[in-house]
N, C-alpha and C. Protein backbone atom coordinates (compact mmCIF):
# COMPACT_ATOMS: atom_id res chain seq x y z
N MET A 1 -21.58 -25.52 -33.27
CA MET A 1 -21.08 -25.74 -31.93
C MET A 1 -19.63 -25.26 -31.82
N ILE A 2 -18.78 -25.71 -32.75
CA ILE A 2 -17.37 -25.31 -32.72
C ILE A 2 -17.26 -23.81 -32.93
N ARG A 3 -18.09 -23.26 -33.81
CA ARG A 3 -18.07 -21.83 -34.08
C ARG A 3 -18.41 -21.05 -32.81
N THR A 4 -19.38 -21.51 -32.02
CA THR A 4 -19.77 -20.85 -30.78
C THR A 4 -18.64 -20.90 -29.77
N VAL A 5 -17.98 -22.04 -29.64
CA VAL A 5 -16.87 -22.19 -28.70
C VAL A 5 -15.72 -21.26 -29.10
N LEU A 6 -15.40 -21.22 -30.40
CA LEU A 6 -14.33 -20.35 -30.87
C LEU A 6 -14.67 -18.88 -30.65
N ALA A 7 -15.92 -18.51 -30.88
CA ALA A 7 -16.33 -17.12 -30.67
C ALA A 7 -16.22 -16.76 -29.18
N SER A 8 -16.61 -17.67 -28.31
CA SER A 8 -16.50 -17.43 -26.86
C SER A 8 -15.05 -17.30 -26.44
N LEU A 9 -14.21 -18.16 -26.97
CA LEU A 9 -12.78 -18.13 -26.65
C LEU A 9 -12.16 -16.82 -27.14
N LEU A 10 -12.54 -16.39 -28.31
CA LEU A 10 -12.04 -15.14 -28.85
C LEU A 10 -12.47 -13.96 -27.97
N LEU A 11 -13.71 -13.98 -27.52
CA LEU A 11 -14.21 -12.92 -26.64
C LEU A 11 -13.42 -12.87 -25.34
N VAL A 12 -13.14 -14.02 -24.75
CA VAL A 12 -12.36 -14.07 -23.51
C VAL A 12 -10.96 -13.51 -23.74
N CYS A 13 -10.33 -13.85 -24.87
CA CYS A 13 -8.99 -13.34 -25.17
C CYS A 13 -9.01 -11.83 -25.33
N VAL A 14 -10.01 -11.29 -26.00
CA VAL A 14 -10.11 -9.85 -26.20
C VAL A 14 -10.29 -9.16 -24.86
N VAL A 15 -11.15 -9.69 -23.98
CA VAL A 15 -11.36 -9.08 -22.66
C VAL A 15 -10.07 -9.10 -21.87
N CYS A 16 -9.31 -10.19 -21.93
CA CYS A 16 -8.04 -10.27 -21.20
C CYS A 16 -7.03 -9.25 -21.71
N LEU A 17 -7.02 -9.01 -23.00
CA LEU A 17 -6.09 -8.04 -23.57
C LEU A 17 -6.49 -6.61 -23.26
N VAL A 18 -7.77 -6.34 -23.16
CA VAL A 18 -8.25 -4.99 -22.94
C VAL A 18 -8.23 -4.61 -21.46
N ALA A 19 -8.43 -5.57 -20.56
CA ALA A 19 -8.48 -5.29 -19.12
C ALA A 19 -7.13 -4.76 -18.65
N PRO A 20 -7.12 -3.79 -17.72
CA PRO A 20 -5.86 -3.26 -17.21
C PRO A 20 -5.08 -4.33 -16.47
N ALA A 21 -3.81 -4.45 -16.80
CA ALA A 21 -2.96 -5.47 -16.20
C ALA A 21 -2.77 -5.20 -14.71
N GLY A 22 -2.86 -6.27 -13.92
CA GLY A 22 -2.56 -6.18 -12.50
C GLY A 22 -3.67 -5.62 -11.64
N HIS A 23 -4.73 -5.11 -12.23
CA HIS A 23 -5.77 -4.51 -11.40
C HIS A 23 -6.87 -5.49 -11.07
N GLY A 24 -7.10 -6.48 -11.90
CA GLY A 24 -8.05 -7.53 -11.58
C GLY A 24 -9.50 -7.09 -11.54
N GLN A 25 -9.82 -5.92 -12.04
CA GLN A 25 -11.21 -5.51 -12.08
C GLN A 25 -11.44 -4.60 -13.27
N VAL A 26 -12.69 -4.53 -13.66
CA VAL A 26 -13.07 -3.70 -14.79
C VAL A 26 -13.02 -2.24 -14.34
N ALA A 27 -12.50 -1.38 -15.20
CA ALA A 27 -12.38 0.04 -14.85
C ALA A 27 -13.73 0.60 -14.46
N GLY A 28 -13.74 1.34 -13.34
CA GLY A 28 -14.96 1.97 -12.89
C GLY A 28 -15.89 1.08 -12.09
N VAL A 29 -15.51 -0.19 -11.88
CA VAL A 29 -16.36 -1.11 -11.15
C VAL A 29 -15.65 -1.48 -9.87
N GLY A 30 -16.33 -1.36 -8.74
CA GLY A 30 -15.74 -1.70 -7.45
C GLY A 30 -15.46 -3.18 -7.34
N ALA A 31 -14.64 -3.56 -6.36
CA ALA A 31 -14.24 -4.95 -6.17
C ALA A 31 -15.43 -5.85 -5.96
N ALA A 32 -16.39 -5.45 -5.14
CA ALA A 32 -17.53 -6.30 -4.85
C ALA A 32 -18.39 -6.47 -6.10
N ALA A 33 -18.61 -5.39 -6.85
CA ALA A 33 -19.42 -5.47 -8.06
C ALA A 33 -18.72 -6.27 -9.14
N ALA A 34 -17.40 -6.31 -9.13
CA ALA A 34 -16.66 -7.06 -10.14
C ALA A 34 -16.60 -8.54 -9.78
N GLY A 35 -17.19 -8.92 -8.63
CA GLY A 35 -17.25 -10.33 -8.29
C GLY A 35 -16.08 -10.83 -7.47
N ARG A 36 -15.29 -9.95 -6.88
CA ARG A 36 -14.21 -10.41 -6.02
C ARG A 36 -14.33 -9.71 -4.68
N ALA A 37 -13.76 -10.34 -3.67
CA ALA A 37 -13.86 -9.81 -2.32
C ALA A 37 -13.06 -8.51 -2.19
N PRO A 38 -13.50 -7.60 -1.32
CA PRO A 38 -12.71 -6.40 -1.06
C PRO A 38 -11.35 -6.78 -0.49
N GLN A 39 -10.37 -5.91 -0.66
CA GLN A 39 -9.02 -6.18 -0.18
C GLN A 39 -8.97 -6.18 1.33
N GLY A 40 -8.12 -7.06 1.89
CA GLY A 40 -7.88 -7.08 3.32
C GLY A 40 -6.85 -6.04 3.70
N PRO A 41 -6.60 -5.88 5.00
CA PRO A 41 -5.67 -4.84 5.45
C PRO A 41 -4.25 -5.01 4.89
N GLU A 42 -3.74 -6.25 4.82
CA GLU A 42 -2.38 -6.44 4.30
C GLU A 42 -2.27 -6.03 2.84
N GLU A 43 -3.29 -6.35 2.06
CA GLU A 43 -3.26 -5.97 0.64
C GLU A 43 -3.31 -4.47 0.45
N VAL A 44 -4.08 -3.79 1.30
CA VAL A 44 -4.15 -2.32 1.22
C VAL A 44 -2.78 -1.74 1.55
N VAL A 45 -2.14 -2.25 2.59
CA VAL A 45 -0.82 -1.74 2.99
C VAL A 45 0.21 -2.05 1.90
N ARG A 46 0.19 -3.26 1.35
CA ARG A 46 1.12 -3.59 0.26
C ARG A 46 0.92 -2.66 -0.92
N GLY A 47 -0.34 -2.43 -1.28
CA GLY A 47 -0.64 -1.53 -2.39
C GLY A 47 -0.15 -0.12 -2.12
N PHE A 48 -0.38 0.36 -0.90
CA PHE A 48 0.07 1.71 -0.56
C PHE A 48 1.58 1.83 -0.67
N TYR A 49 2.34 0.92 -0.05
CA TYR A 49 3.80 1.05 -0.07
C TYR A 49 4.37 0.83 -1.47
N ALA A 50 3.79 -0.05 -2.26
CA ALA A 50 4.26 -0.21 -3.64
C ALA A 50 4.05 1.10 -4.40
N TRP A 51 2.88 1.72 -4.22
CA TRP A 51 2.60 2.99 -4.89
C TRP A 51 3.48 4.12 -4.34
N TYR A 52 3.53 4.27 -3.02
CA TYR A 52 4.23 5.38 -2.38
C TYR A 52 5.73 5.34 -2.68
N LEU A 53 6.35 4.19 -2.45
CA LEU A 53 7.79 4.07 -2.71
C LEU A 53 8.08 4.12 -4.21
N GLY A 54 7.16 3.61 -5.00
CA GLY A 54 7.30 3.69 -6.46
C GLY A 54 7.31 5.13 -6.94
N ARG A 55 6.50 5.99 -6.31
CA ARG A 55 6.48 7.41 -6.66
C ARG A 55 7.83 8.05 -6.35
N PHE A 56 8.41 7.71 -5.18
CA PHE A 56 9.74 8.23 -4.85
C PHE A 56 10.75 7.80 -5.91
N ASN A 57 10.67 6.56 -6.35
CA ASN A 57 11.62 6.06 -7.35
C ASN A 57 11.43 6.74 -8.71
N LYS A 58 10.29 7.42 -8.89
CA LYS A 58 10.05 8.19 -10.12
C LYS A 58 10.31 9.68 -9.88
N ASP A 59 11.06 9.98 -8.82
CA ASP A 59 11.39 11.37 -8.47
C ASP A 59 10.16 12.22 -8.17
N ASP A 60 9.12 11.60 -7.64
CA ASP A 60 7.94 12.32 -7.19
C ASP A 60 8.06 12.43 -5.67
N TRP A 61 8.51 13.57 -5.18
CA TRP A 61 8.79 13.74 -3.75
C TRP A 61 7.56 14.08 -2.94
N SER A 62 6.43 14.27 -3.59
CA SER A 62 5.18 14.61 -2.89
C SER A 62 4.04 13.72 -3.36
N PRO A 63 4.14 12.42 -3.15
CA PRO A 63 3.08 11.54 -3.67
C PRO A 63 1.70 11.81 -3.07
N LEU A 64 1.65 12.37 -1.86
CA LEU A 64 0.35 12.63 -1.25
C LEU A 64 -0.42 13.73 -1.96
N LYS A 65 0.25 14.51 -2.81
CA LYS A 65 -0.46 15.51 -3.61
C LYS A 65 -1.32 14.85 -4.68
N ARG A 66 -1.08 13.58 -4.94
CA ARG A 66 -1.92 12.80 -5.84
C ARG A 66 -3.09 12.28 -5.00
N ARG A 67 -3.97 13.20 -4.66
CA ARG A 67 -5.02 12.97 -3.67
C ARG A 67 -5.87 11.73 -3.97
N ALA A 68 -6.35 11.60 -5.18
CA ALA A 68 -7.23 10.48 -5.52
C ALA A 68 -6.53 9.14 -5.29
N GLU A 69 -5.27 9.07 -5.70
CA GLU A 69 -4.52 7.82 -5.50
C GLU A 69 -4.26 7.58 -4.02
N ALA A 70 -3.87 8.62 -3.29
CA ALA A 70 -3.58 8.47 -1.87
C ALA A 70 -4.81 8.02 -1.09
N LEU A 71 -5.96 8.55 -1.44
CA LEU A 71 -7.20 8.21 -0.72
C LEU A 71 -7.70 6.80 -1.02
N ARG A 72 -7.10 6.12 -1.95
CA ARG A 72 -7.41 4.70 -2.15
C ARG A 72 -6.90 3.90 -0.96
N TYR A 73 -5.90 4.42 -0.26
CA TYR A 73 -5.25 3.69 0.83
C TYR A 73 -5.38 4.38 2.19
N LEU A 74 -5.44 5.69 2.22
CA LEU A 74 -5.42 6.45 3.47
C LEU A 74 -6.80 6.98 3.82
N SER A 75 -7.05 7.10 5.13
CA SER A 75 -8.28 7.77 5.55
C SER A 75 -8.15 9.25 5.19
N PRO A 76 -9.26 9.92 4.93
CA PRO A 76 -9.17 11.36 4.63
C PRO A 76 -8.49 12.16 5.74
N GLU A 77 -8.72 11.78 6.99
CA GLU A 77 -8.11 12.50 8.11
C GLU A 77 -6.59 12.35 8.11
N LEU A 78 -6.09 11.12 7.91
CA LEU A 78 -4.63 10.93 7.86
C LEU A 78 -4.04 11.65 6.66
N HIS A 79 -4.71 11.60 5.53
CA HIS A 79 -4.22 12.29 4.34
C HIS A 79 -4.10 13.79 4.60
N ARG A 80 -5.07 14.34 5.32
CA ARG A 80 -5.06 15.78 5.62
C ARG A 80 -3.96 16.14 6.63
N LYS A 81 -3.75 15.29 7.64
CA LYS A 81 -2.80 15.60 8.70
C LYS A 81 -1.35 15.23 8.36
N ALA A 82 -1.13 14.31 7.47
CA ALA A 82 0.21 13.78 7.20
C ALA A 82 1.24 14.86 6.85
N PRO A 83 0.97 15.78 5.94
CA PRO A 83 2.00 16.78 5.60
C PRO A 83 2.49 17.57 6.81
N ARG A 84 1.58 18.00 7.66
CA ARG A 84 1.97 18.76 8.85
C ARG A 84 2.75 17.87 9.83
N MET A 85 2.33 16.61 9.98
CA MET A 85 3.04 15.69 10.87
C MET A 85 4.47 15.48 10.39
N MET A 86 4.65 15.39 9.08
CA MET A 86 5.99 15.20 8.53
C MET A 86 6.84 16.44 8.71
N GLN A 87 6.22 17.60 8.54
CA GLN A 87 6.96 18.86 8.68
C GLN A 87 7.40 19.07 10.12
N THR A 88 6.52 18.86 11.07
CA THR A 88 6.88 19.08 12.48
C THR A 88 7.75 17.96 13.03
N GLY A 89 7.60 16.75 12.52
CA GLY A 89 8.38 15.62 13.02
C GLY A 89 9.75 15.48 12.38
N GLY A 90 9.96 16.12 11.25
CA GLY A 90 11.26 16.08 10.60
C GLY A 90 11.55 14.80 9.84
N ALA A 91 10.53 13.93 9.68
CA ALA A 91 10.72 12.68 8.94
C ALA A 91 9.40 12.29 8.28
N ASP A 92 9.49 11.48 7.27
CA ASP A 92 8.31 10.97 6.58
C ASP A 92 7.64 9.94 7.50
N ILE A 93 6.37 10.13 7.80
CA ILE A 93 5.68 9.23 8.73
C ILE A 93 5.42 7.84 8.16
N PHE A 94 5.54 7.67 6.86
CA PHE A 94 5.29 6.37 6.26
C PHE A 94 6.55 5.53 6.11
N ILE A 95 7.72 6.17 6.20
CA ILE A 95 8.97 5.42 6.13
C ILE A 95 9.85 5.66 7.36
N CYS A 96 9.41 6.51 8.26
CA CYS A 96 10.13 6.81 9.51
C CYS A 96 11.58 7.18 9.24
N ALA A 97 11.79 7.99 8.23
CA ALA A 97 13.14 8.41 7.84
C ALA A 97 13.02 9.70 7.03
N GLN A 98 14.17 10.36 6.85
CA GLN A 98 14.21 11.55 6.02
C GLN A 98 14.53 11.21 4.57
N ASP A 99 15.11 10.05 4.35
CA ASP A 99 15.49 9.62 3.01
C ASP A 99 15.03 8.18 2.82
N TRP A 100 15.06 7.70 1.61
CA TRP A 100 14.59 6.35 1.33
C TRP A 100 15.63 5.64 0.48
N LEU A 101 15.52 4.32 0.44
CA LEU A 101 16.37 3.51 -0.44
C LEU A 101 15.52 3.05 -1.62
N PRO A 102 16.00 3.21 -2.84
CA PRO A 102 15.21 2.77 -4.00
C PRO A 102 14.82 1.29 -3.95
N SER A 103 15.63 0.47 -3.30
CA SER A 103 15.35 -0.96 -3.23
C SER A 103 14.11 -1.28 -2.39
N TRP A 104 13.69 -0.35 -1.53
CA TRP A 104 12.52 -0.62 -0.68
C TRP A 104 11.27 -0.93 -1.47
N ALA A 105 11.10 -0.33 -2.63
CA ALA A 105 9.88 -0.52 -3.41
C ALA A 105 9.63 -2.00 -3.73
N GLY A 106 10.69 -2.78 -3.84
CA GLY A 106 10.52 -4.19 -4.14
C GLY A 106 10.85 -5.12 -2.98
N GLU A 107 11.28 -4.56 -1.85
CA GLU A 107 11.75 -5.41 -0.76
C GLU A 107 11.05 -5.20 0.57
N PHE A 108 10.09 -4.29 0.66
CA PHE A 108 9.41 -4.09 1.95
C PHE A 108 8.59 -5.34 2.29
N LYS A 109 8.39 -5.56 3.58
CA LYS A 109 7.61 -6.71 4.06
C LYS A 109 6.44 -6.22 4.88
N VAL A 110 5.31 -6.90 4.75
CA VAL A 110 4.11 -6.59 5.52
C VAL A 110 3.77 -7.81 6.37
N ALA A 111 3.71 -7.62 7.68
CA ALA A 111 3.38 -8.71 8.60
C ALA A 111 1.88 -9.01 8.52
N PRO A 112 1.48 -10.22 8.89
CA PRO A 112 0.05 -10.53 8.93
C PRO A 112 -0.67 -9.55 9.86
N ALA A 113 -1.82 -9.10 9.44
CA ALA A 113 -2.58 -8.13 10.22
C ALA A 113 -3.28 -8.80 11.40
N ARG A 114 -3.40 -8.02 12.48
CA ARG A 114 -4.23 -8.42 13.61
C ARG A 114 -5.54 -7.67 13.45
N VAL A 115 -6.60 -8.41 13.18
CA VAL A 115 -7.90 -7.80 12.92
C VAL A 115 -8.81 -8.01 14.12
N ARG A 116 -9.42 -6.92 14.55
CA ARG A 116 -10.41 -6.95 15.64
C ARG A 116 -11.60 -6.13 15.19
N GLY A 117 -12.59 -6.80 14.66
CA GLY A 117 -13.77 -6.11 14.15
C GLY A 117 -13.43 -5.23 12.97
N ALA A 118 -13.69 -3.93 13.10
CA ALA A 118 -13.43 -2.99 12.01
C ALA A 118 -12.07 -2.32 12.15
N ALA A 119 -11.22 -2.82 13.05
CA ALA A 119 -9.88 -2.25 13.25
C ALA A 119 -8.82 -3.31 12.99
N ALA A 120 -7.67 -2.88 12.52
CA ALA A 120 -6.57 -3.81 12.26
C ALA A 120 -5.25 -3.08 12.45
N THR A 121 -4.21 -3.85 12.76
CA THR A 121 -2.85 -3.33 12.81
C THR A 121 -1.93 -4.30 12.09
N THR A 122 -0.88 -3.76 11.53
CA THR A 122 0.14 -4.57 10.90
C THR A 122 1.45 -3.80 10.99
N THR A 123 2.54 -4.48 10.68
CA THR A 123 3.85 -3.85 10.72
C THR A 123 4.52 -3.98 9.36
N VAL A 124 5.07 -2.89 8.88
CA VAL A 124 5.84 -2.88 7.64
C VAL A 124 7.31 -2.80 8.02
N THR A 125 8.13 -3.61 7.34
CA THR A 125 9.57 -3.58 7.56
C THR A 125 10.26 -3.11 6.28
N LEU A 126 11.09 -2.09 6.42
CA LEU A 126 11.90 -1.59 5.32
C LEU A 126 13.34 -2.02 5.60
N PRO A 127 13.92 -2.85 4.72
CA PRO A 127 15.25 -3.41 5.01
C PRO A 127 16.37 -2.39 4.89
N VAL A 128 17.18 -2.34 5.95
CA VAL A 128 18.36 -1.47 5.97
C VAL A 128 19.60 -2.31 6.21
N ARG A 129 19.48 -3.32 7.09
CA ARG A 129 20.63 -4.17 7.40
C ARG A 129 21.16 -4.85 6.14
N GLY A 130 22.46 -4.79 5.97
CA GLY A 130 23.08 -5.47 4.84
C GLY A 130 22.98 -4.74 3.52
N VAL A 131 22.36 -3.56 3.51
CA VAL A 131 22.25 -2.79 2.27
C VAL A 131 23.51 -1.93 2.14
N GLU A 132 24.20 -2.10 1.03
CA GLU A 132 25.44 -1.36 0.80
C GLU A 132 25.18 0.14 0.85
N GLY A 133 26.00 0.86 1.61
CA GLY A 133 25.90 2.30 1.72
C GLY A 133 24.87 2.77 2.73
N ALA A 134 24.14 1.84 3.36
CA ALA A 134 23.12 2.25 4.33
C ALA A 134 23.63 2.21 5.76
N GLY A 135 24.88 1.87 5.94
CA GLY A 135 25.42 1.80 7.30
C GLY A 135 25.00 0.51 7.97
N ALA A 136 25.21 0.45 9.26
CA ALA A 136 24.92 -0.77 10.00
C ALA A 136 23.61 -0.64 10.78
N GLY A 137 22.71 0.20 10.32
CA GLY A 137 21.47 0.45 11.05
C GLY A 137 20.54 -0.74 11.07
N GLU A 138 19.58 -0.64 11.96
CA GLU A 138 18.53 -1.65 12.07
C GLU A 138 17.49 -1.43 10.97
N ASP A 139 16.80 -2.51 10.60
CA ASP A 139 15.69 -2.36 9.67
C ASP A 139 14.67 -1.40 10.27
N ILE A 140 13.98 -0.67 9.41
CA ILE A 140 12.96 0.28 9.85
C ILE A 140 11.63 -0.46 9.93
N ARG A 141 10.96 -0.32 11.06
CA ARG A 141 9.67 -0.97 11.25
C ARG A 141 8.62 0.07 11.58
N ILE A 142 7.50 -0.01 10.88
CA ILE A 142 6.42 0.96 11.05
C ILE A 142 5.14 0.20 11.36
N LYS A 143 4.52 0.54 12.48
CA LYS A 143 3.23 -0.05 12.84
C LYS A 143 2.14 0.81 12.20
N LEU A 144 1.25 0.16 11.48
CA LEU A 144 0.14 0.86 10.83
C LEU A 144 -1.18 0.43 11.44
N SER A 145 -2.05 1.39 11.67
CA SER A 145 -3.41 1.11 12.12
C SER A 145 -4.33 1.35 10.94
N LEU A 146 -5.32 0.48 10.81
CA LEU A 146 -6.30 0.60 9.72
C LEU A 146 -7.70 0.48 10.30
N ARG A 147 -8.65 1.04 9.59
CA ARG A 147 -10.05 0.95 9.97
C ARG A 147 -10.84 0.61 8.71
N ARG A 148 -11.83 -0.27 8.90
CA ARG A 148 -12.69 -0.65 7.77
C ARG A 148 -13.93 0.24 7.81
N ALA A 149 -14.18 0.92 6.71
CA ALA A 149 -15.36 1.77 6.57
C ALA A 149 -15.89 1.59 5.16
N ALA A 150 -17.17 1.40 5.04
CA ALA A 150 -17.80 1.22 3.72
C ALA A 150 -17.12 0.08 2.95
N ARG A 151 -16.85 -1.02 3.65
CA ARG A 151 -16.27 -2.24 3.06
C ARG A 151 -14.85 -2.06 2.55
N ALA A 152 -14.16 -1.00 2.92
CA ALA A 152 -12.78 -0.78 2.47
C ALA A 152 -11.90 -0.47 3.67
N TRP A 153 -10.72 -1.07 3.69
CA TRP A 153 -9.74 -0.78 4.74
C TRP A 153 -8.96 0.46 4.35
N LYS A 154 -8.75 1.35 5.32
CA LYS A 154 -7.97 2.58 5.11
C LYS A 154 -6.94 2.70 6.23
N ILE A 155 -5.74 3.15 5.88
CA ILE A 155 -4.70 3.40 6.88
C ILE A 155 -5.09 4.67 7.63
N THR A 156 -5.10 4.57 8.97
CA THR A 156 -5.53 5.71 9.79
C THR A 156 -4.40 6.30 10.63
N ALA A 157 -3.32 5.54 10.85
CA ALA A 157 -2.23 6.04 11.69
C ALA A 157 -0.96 5.24 11.43
N THR A 158 0.17 5.87 11.71
CA THR A 158 1.48 5.21 11.63
C THR A 158 2.21 5.43 12.94
N ASP A 159 3.10 4.50 13.27
CA ASP A 159 3.88 4.61 14.49
C ASP A 159 5.26 4.00 14.21
N CYS A 160 6.29 4.81 14.31
CA CYS A 160 7.65 4.31 14.08
C CYS A 160 8.08 3.48 15.29
N LEU A 161 8.43 2.23 15.06
CA LEU A 161 8.83 1.35 16.14
C LEU A 161 10.34 1.36 16.31
N LEU A 162 10.77 1.50 17.51
CA LEU A 162 12.20 1.41 17.81
C LEU A 162 12.58 -0.07 17.90
N SER A 163 13.83 -0.38 17.68
CA SER A 163 14.26 -1.78 17.60
C SER A 163 13.92 -2.59 18.83
N PHE A 164 13.83 -1.98 20.01
CA PHE A 164 13.56 -2.73 21.22
C PHE A 164 12.06 -2.86 21.51
N GLU A 165 11.21 -2.24 20.70
CA GLU A 165 9.78 -2.22 21.00
C GLU A 165 9.04 -3.44 20.46
N GLY A 166 9.59 -4.16 19.51
CA GLY A 166 8.86 -5.28 18.93
C GLY A 166 7.68 -4.81 18.11
N SER A 167 6.78 -5.71 17.81
CA SER A 167 5.62 -5.34 16.96
C SER A 167 4.36 -5.31 17.78
N ARG A 168 4.43 -4.78 18.98
CA ARG A 168 3.30 -4.65 19.91
C ARG A 168 1.99 -4.95 19.29
């Protein structure tokens, strides 16, 4: 009996050590098959901004070229259109700016999503106020639209909010 319990405990420890940290699922197995619920819109947005801003902090100025990673968060249509939108608009559509602050990767905020069926919206705030060297500007706020398809939420659009617009 004790031998069985110890063997089971050892197996659990080995699985915990081998599983990828922070991912919460077995490699190659989807969230539903791994026994956990699919991510909600806020989690998808948090994951995207942690990844996207993290790439900037690693001097990767073109994170969308990492297609497989980008498509974990973005709809294929937005992924395809984003580079041209950034080029013609003169700013990055995901940060509503031409430059970024390294501190954003750990300090961005995601508002609770408004979900209506298979559509959702949320607002991301990138802190600028009170950041040394950033001037006296307002925090940057980006409204994101998401759509649920095949049990996964994907970002489908971004909208830079001006300080007087609120989080419509």
